Each structure stands twice: as C-alpha cells, then as structure tokens.
N, C-alpha and C. Protein backbone atom coordinates (compact mmCIF):
# COMPACT_ATOMS: atom_id res chain seq x y z
N GLU A 1 104.35 36.49 139.97
CA GLU A 1 104.04 35.87 138.68
C GLU A 1 105.24 36.93 137.81
N THR A 2 104.96 36.31 137.59
CA THR A 2 105.90 37.76 136.00
C THR A 2 105.71 37.58 135.12
N SER A 3 105.49 39.10 134.36
CA SER A 3 104.42 38.79 133.21
C SER A 3 105.53 38.48 131.97
N ALA A 4 104.65 38.52 130.70
CA ALA A 4 105.43 38.17 129.45
C ALA A 4 106.26 39.58 129.40
N TRP A 5 105.30 40.50 129.36
CA TRP A 5 106.26 41.74 129.64
C TRP A 5 107.72 42.29 129.84
N SER A 6 107.22 42.25 132.14
CA SER A 6 108.52 42.60 131.99
C SER A 6 109.69 41.34 132.17
N ILE A 7 109.15 40.36 131.21
CA ILE A 7 110.62 39.63 130.82
C ILE A 7 111.00 39.09 129.77
N ASP A 8 110.42 40.36 128.90
CA ASP A 8 110.96 40.37 127.64
C ASP A 8 112.30 41.41 126.92
N PRO A 9 113.51 40.77 126.34
CA PRO A 9 114.34 41.24 126.56
C PRO A 9 114.62 42.85 126.26
N GLN A 10 113.41 43.03 125.84
CA GLN A 10 112.68 44.48 124.90
C GLN A 10 113.11 45.15 125.54
N PHE A 11 112.24 45.12 127.02
CA PHE A 11 112.71 46.12 128.54
C PHE A 11 114.21 46.38 128.49
N VAL A 12 114.76 47.66 129.45
CA VAL A 12 115.14 48.34 129.14
C VAL A 12 115.97 48.96 130.87
N THR A 13 116.46 48.71 131.29
CA THR A 13 116.54 48.76 132.31
C THR A 13 117.94 49.75 132.48
N SER A 14 117.97 51.02 133.80
CA SER A 14 119.32 51.52 133.15
C SER A 14 119.88 51.62 134.42
N SER A 15 121.18 51.93 134.30
CA SER A 15 121.87 52.27 136.25
C SER A 15 121.40 53.44 137.04
N ARG A 16 120.49 54.20 136.79
CA ARG A 16 120.15 55.69 137.32
C ARG A 16 118.35 54.65 137.87
N LYS A 17 118.38 52.50 137.34
CA LYS A 17 116.54 52.24 137.38
C LYS A 17 115.96 53.10 136.52
N ILE A 18 115.79 53.98 136.10
CA ILE A 18 114.92 53.59 135.14
C ILE A 18 114.17 52.68 133.81
N VAL A 19 112.82 51.96 133.74
CA VAL A 19 112.77 51.19 133.27
C VAL A 19 111.78 52.01 131.85
N GLY A 20 112.26 51.12 130.52
CA GLY A 20 110.82 51.50 129.74
C GLY A 20 110.52 50.41 128.91
N TYR A 21 109.81 50.62 127.85
CA TYR A 21 108.94 49.73 127.29
C TYR A 21 109.19 50.13 125.67
N ALA A 22 109.43 49.74 124.73
CA ALA A 22 108.66 50.25 123.67
C ALA A 22 108.65 49.24 122.37
N GLY A 23 108.02 49.16 121.54
CA GLY A 23 107.33 48.17 120.18
C GLY A 23 105.97 47.47 120.08
N GLY A 24 104.96 48.26 119.64
CA GLY A 24 103.32 46.95 119.71
C GLY A 24 102.98 47.90 120.58
N ILE A 25 103.51 48.95 120.55
CA ILE A 25 101.94 49.64 121.77
C ILE A 25 101.59 50.24 121.15
N LYS A 26 100.12 51.03 121.58
CA LYS A 26 99.33 51.79 120.89
C LYS A 26 97.88 51.46 121.49
N PRO A 27 96.80 52.12 121.07
CA PRO A 27 95.44 52.60 122.52
C PRO A 27 94.98 51.61 123.28
N VAL A 28 95.21 50.73 122.35
CA VAL A 28 94.25 49.72 123.04
C VAL A 28 95.23 48.30 123.92
N ASN A 29 96.04 48.36 123.45
CA ASN A 29 97.19 47.34 125.09
C ASN A 29 97.84 48.61 125.24
N VAL A 30 98.15 49.90 125.61
CA VAL A 30 98.79 50.87 126.15
C VAL A 30 98.15 50.76 127.80
N GLY A 31 97.44 50.80 128.81
CA GLY A 31 97.00 50.30 129.87
C GLY A 31 97.18 49.36 130.24
N LYS A 32 97.40 47.58 129.37
CA LYS A 32 98.02 46.86 129.85
C LYS A 32 99.33 46.83 130.35
N VAL A 33 100.91 47.24 129.09
CA VAL A 33 102.21 47.59 128.79
C VAL A 33 102.30 49.02 130.03
N ALA A 34 101.03 49.02 130.17
CA ALA A 34 101.89 50.91 131.42
C ALA A 34 101.73 49.37 133.05
N GLN A 35 100.85 48.54 133.00
CA GLN A 35 100.58 48.06 133.60
C GLN A 35 101.98 47.26 134.24
N ASP A 36 102.22 46.32 133.37
CA ASP A 36 103.41 45.62 133.21
C ASP A 36 104.28 46.07 133.16
N THR A 37 104.75 47.29 132.19
CA THR A 37 105.89 48.45 132.74
C THR A 37 106.36 48.40 134.78
N ILE A 38 105.50 49.12 135.12
CA ILE A 38 105.18 49.09 136.00
C ILE A 38 105.75 48.33 137.01
N LYS A 39 105.48 46.77 137.01
CA LYS A 39 105.30 46.08 138.00
C LYS A 39 107.17 45.56 137.54
N ALA A 40 108.07 45.64 136.39
CA ALA A 40 109.07 45.08 135.32
C ALA A 40 109.24 47.00 136.38
N CYS A 41 109.78 47.73 136.89
CA CYS A 41 109.93 48.67 137.57
C CYS A 41 110.34 48.04 139.04
N GLN A 42 109.27 47.51 139.11
CA GLN A 42 109.54 47.66 141.27
C GLN A 42 110.19 46.14 141.33
N GLU A 43 110.00 45.38 140.15
CA GLU A 43 111.18 44.72 140.62
C GLU A 43 111.79 44.40 140.01
N SER A 44 113.03 45.69 139.36
CA SER A 44 114.56 46.58 139.32
C SER A 44 114.74 46.71 140.64
N GLY A 45 113.97 46.89 141.31
CA GLY A 45 114.13 48.54 142.13
C GLY A 45 114.28 49.59 141.64
N GLY A 46 113.52 49.51 140.27
CA GLY A 46 113.66 51.08 139.68
C GLY A 46 112.36 52.15 140.80
N LYS A 47 112.63 53.32 140.36
CA LYS A 47 112.10 54.47 140.35
C LYS A 47 110.33 55.14 139.56
N GLU A 48 111.08 55.04 137.94
CA GLU A 48 110.86 55.74 136.43
C GLU A 48 110.41 54.54 136.28
N PHE A 49 109.75 54.48 135.18
CA PHE A 49 108.67 53.99 134.08
C PHE A 49 108.97 55.16 132.73
N TRP A 50 109.35 54.38 131.51
CA TRP A 50 108.71 54.81 130.38
C TRP A 50 107.58 54.07 129.72
N ILE A 51 107.62 54.52 128.22
CA ILE A 51 107.10 53.65 127.00
C ILE A 51 107.35 54.20 126.29
N ASP A 52 107.23 53.91 124.97
CA ASP A 52 108.24 54.44 124.27
C ASP A 52 106.80 54.34 122.63
N MET A 53 106.13 54.46 122.65
CA MET A 53 105.39 54.72 120.88
C MET A 53 105.25 55.59 120.02
N GLU A 54 105.29 55.12 118.68
CA GLU A 54 105.48 55.97 116.81
C GLU A 54 104.49 54.85 116.46
N SER A 55 104.69 53.93 115.49
CA SER A 55 104.02 53.37 115.10
C SER A 55 102.27 53.01 115.84
N GLY A 56 101.73 53.05 117.15
CA GLY A 56 100.64 52.81 117.73
C GLY A 56 100.38 54.04 117.19
N VAL A 57 100.69 55.22 116.69
CA VAL A 57 99.42 56.37 117.27
C VAL A 57 100.27 56.82 116.18
N ARG A 58 99.89 56.71 114.80
CA ARG A 58 100.09 57.01 113.17
C ARG A 58 98.70 56.37 112.94
N SER A 59 98.60 57.04 111.40
CA SER A 59 97.15 56.69 110.94
C SER A 59 97.77 56.94 109.43
N LYS A 60 97.20 55.95 108.37
CA LYS A 60 97.24 56.40 107.66
C LYS A 60 95.82 57.30 106.96
N VAL A 61 95.93 58.65 106.25
CA VAL A 61 94.81 58.87 105.37
C VAL A 61 95.24 59.14 103.63
N ILE A 62 93.96 59.15 103.10
CA ILE A 62 94.41 59.81 101.85
C ILE A 62 95.20 61.22 101.78
N GLY A 63 96.00 60.71 101.07
CA GLY A 63 95.97 62.54 100.59
C GLY A 63 95.73 62.98 99.89
N ALA A 64 96.50 64.68 99.85
CA ALA A 64 95.13 65.45 99.04
C ALA A 64 95.09 64.97 97.29
N SER A 65 95.90 64.28 96.84
CA SER A 65 96.02 63.91 95.87
C SER A 65 94.75 62.35 95.28
N GLY A 66 94.57 62.06 96.63
CA GLY A 66 92.74 61.35 96.35
C GLY A 66 93.17 59.76 96.87
N LYS A 67 94.65 59.70 95.55
CA LYS A 67 95.25 57.98 96.05
C LYS A 67 96.54 57.84 96.56
N GLU A 68 96.68 58.22 97.04
CA GLU A 68 97.92 57.25 97.83
C GLU A 68 98.13 58.34 99.36
N GLU A 69 98.31 57.46 100.23
CA GLU A 69 98.37 56.91 101.50
C GLU A 69 99.38 58.36 102.40
N GLU A 70 99.17 58.99 102.88
CA GLU A 70 99.92 59.51 103.65
C GLU A 70 100.10 59.23 104.96
N ASP A 71 101.02 58.98 106.09
CA ASP A 71 101.39 58.38 107.22
C ASP A 71 101.15 59.53 108.30
N ILE A 72 99.99 59.47 108.79
CA ILE A 72 99.86 60.84 109.62
C ILE A 72 99.87 60.35 111.23
N PHE A 73 100.57 61.54 112.25
CA PHE A 73 101.10 61.60 113.48
C PHE A 73 99.47 61.96 113.73
N ASP A 74 99.01 61.05 114.30
CA ASP A 74 97.21 60.70 114.61
C ASP A 74 96.97 61.43 116.28
N LEU A 75 96.87 63.07 116.35
CA LEU A 75 96.18 63.09 117.86
C LEU A 75 95.46 61.97 118.04
N SER A 76 94.17 62.10 118.12
CA SER A 76 93.32 61.10 118.60
C SER A 76 93.71 59.48 119.36
N LYS A 77 94.66 59.32 118.32
CA LYS A 77 95.37 57.68 119.11
C LYS A 77 95.48 58.39 120.12
N CYS A 78 96.62 59.50 119.94
CA CYS A 78 97.15 60.06 121.91
C CYS A 78 96.46 60.26 122.04
N TYR A 79 95.45 60.72 122.42
CA TYR A 79 94.15 61.77 123.12
C TYR A 79 93.73 59.83 124.19
N GLU A 80 93.66 58.93 122.85
CA GLU A 80 93.07 57.74 123.79
C GLU A 80 94.09 57.18 124.89
N CYS A 81 95.38 57.42 123.92
CA CYS A 81 96.51 57.06 125.28
C CYS A 81 96.27 57.76 126.97
N ILE A 82 96.31 58.67 126.42
CA ILE A 82 96.14 59.75 127.80
C ILE A 82 94.77 59.53 128.66
N ASP A 83 93.76 58.83 128.28
CA ASP A 83 92.89 58.99 128.98
C ASP A 83 93.33 57.37 129.60
N THR A 84 93.83 56.52 129.33
CA THR A 84 94.20 55.08 129.54
C THR A 84 94.64 55.75 130.54
N ILE A 85 96.35 55.87 130.66
CA ILE A 85 97.50 56.34 131.09
C ILE A 85 96.04 57.45 132.60
N CYS A 86 95.43 57.87 132.18
CA CYS A 86 94.88 59.41 133.50
C CYS A 86 93.88 58.24 134.09
N GLU A 87 93.28 57.03 133.22
CA GLU A 87 92.13 56.09 134.11
C GLU A 87 92.67 55.03 134.86
N LEU A 88 94.24 55.05 135.12
CA LEU A 88 94.93 53.59 136.02
C LEU A 88 95.33 55.03 137.03
N GLY A 89 95.00 56.00 137.03
CA GLY A 89 95.33 56.94 137.99
C GLY A 89 97.51 57.13 137.63
N LEU A 90 97.60 57.03 137.43
CA LEU A 90 99.50 57.17 136.56
C LEU A 90 99.32 58.51 136.40
N ILE A 91 98.73 59.22 136.28
CA ILE A 91 98.97 60.92 136.19
C ILE A 91 97.25 61.54 136.11
N GLU A 92 97.52 62.65 136.92
CA GLU A 92 95.61 63.59 136.71
C GLU A 92 95.91 63.75 134.84
N HIS A 93 94.03 63.54 134.62
CA HIS A 93 94.27 64.53 133.21
C HIS A 93 93.80 65.77 133.17
N PRO A 94 95.60 66.01 132.00
CA PRO A 94 95.56 67.37 131.58
C PRO A 94 93.92 68.22 131.35
N PRO A 95 93.76 68.86 132.61
CA PRO A 95 92.99 70.09 132.07
C PRO A 95 92.35 70.50 131.04
N VAL A 96 92.61 71.04 129.80
CA VAL A 96 92.39 71.02 128.23
C VAL A 96 92.50 70.04 127.95
N LEU A 97 92.90 68.79 128.27
CA LEU A 97 92.23 67.36 127.52
C LEU A 97 90.88 67.42 127.74
N GLN A 98 90.10 67.59 128.83
CA GLN A 98 89.02 67.46 128.94
C GLN A 98 87.32 67.89 128.77
C-alpha cells in the first residue's frame, strides 16, 4: 500500500537517492511524515531522507510592546519533534536534551 505522502508531488528525489519532504510538517504530524518519507525513500531505492520544517516550529507571541504579535522560532516545538523522532528509533536521544 502506498501512502498519500509517498505519492505526493512535493517529494523530492535526486540522483544520489536522497528523499525529502517539506510542507505542513509540525510536532503533531512529524512522526507520520518521517515514517512515510522513510517508506518513499525505500520505494525509490534511496539511502537517506530529510524533512524540512520552518513554520511548523514557529509560534506567535506578544511582543515587547504588548500589542503586536511576533513570530518566533519555538525551541519547545523543536524538542517535541526530536522526542518523536527518537521514540521512532530513527536517532538516539541527544544526552543534553534528556
């Protein structure tokens, strides 16, 4: 069975057989995206994969003026993603984050 992610035109493969996905990835779906990207990598004969997250690890906060919202890079969202990827067994949990 082919997943929706693995047939999505946003998947990118290169001659080096590295597969990647970008778009709409955030802490709540990073595990599923990683699993689907791994599957697409395997189906294409790839050996490595990447995922690209930007807006999914950002948050809006009230700025110093107390009126305007600022868009910030949110480390807590990054840590959530790291935890999820580690729980999948794709990498070992970095000791400094335990």
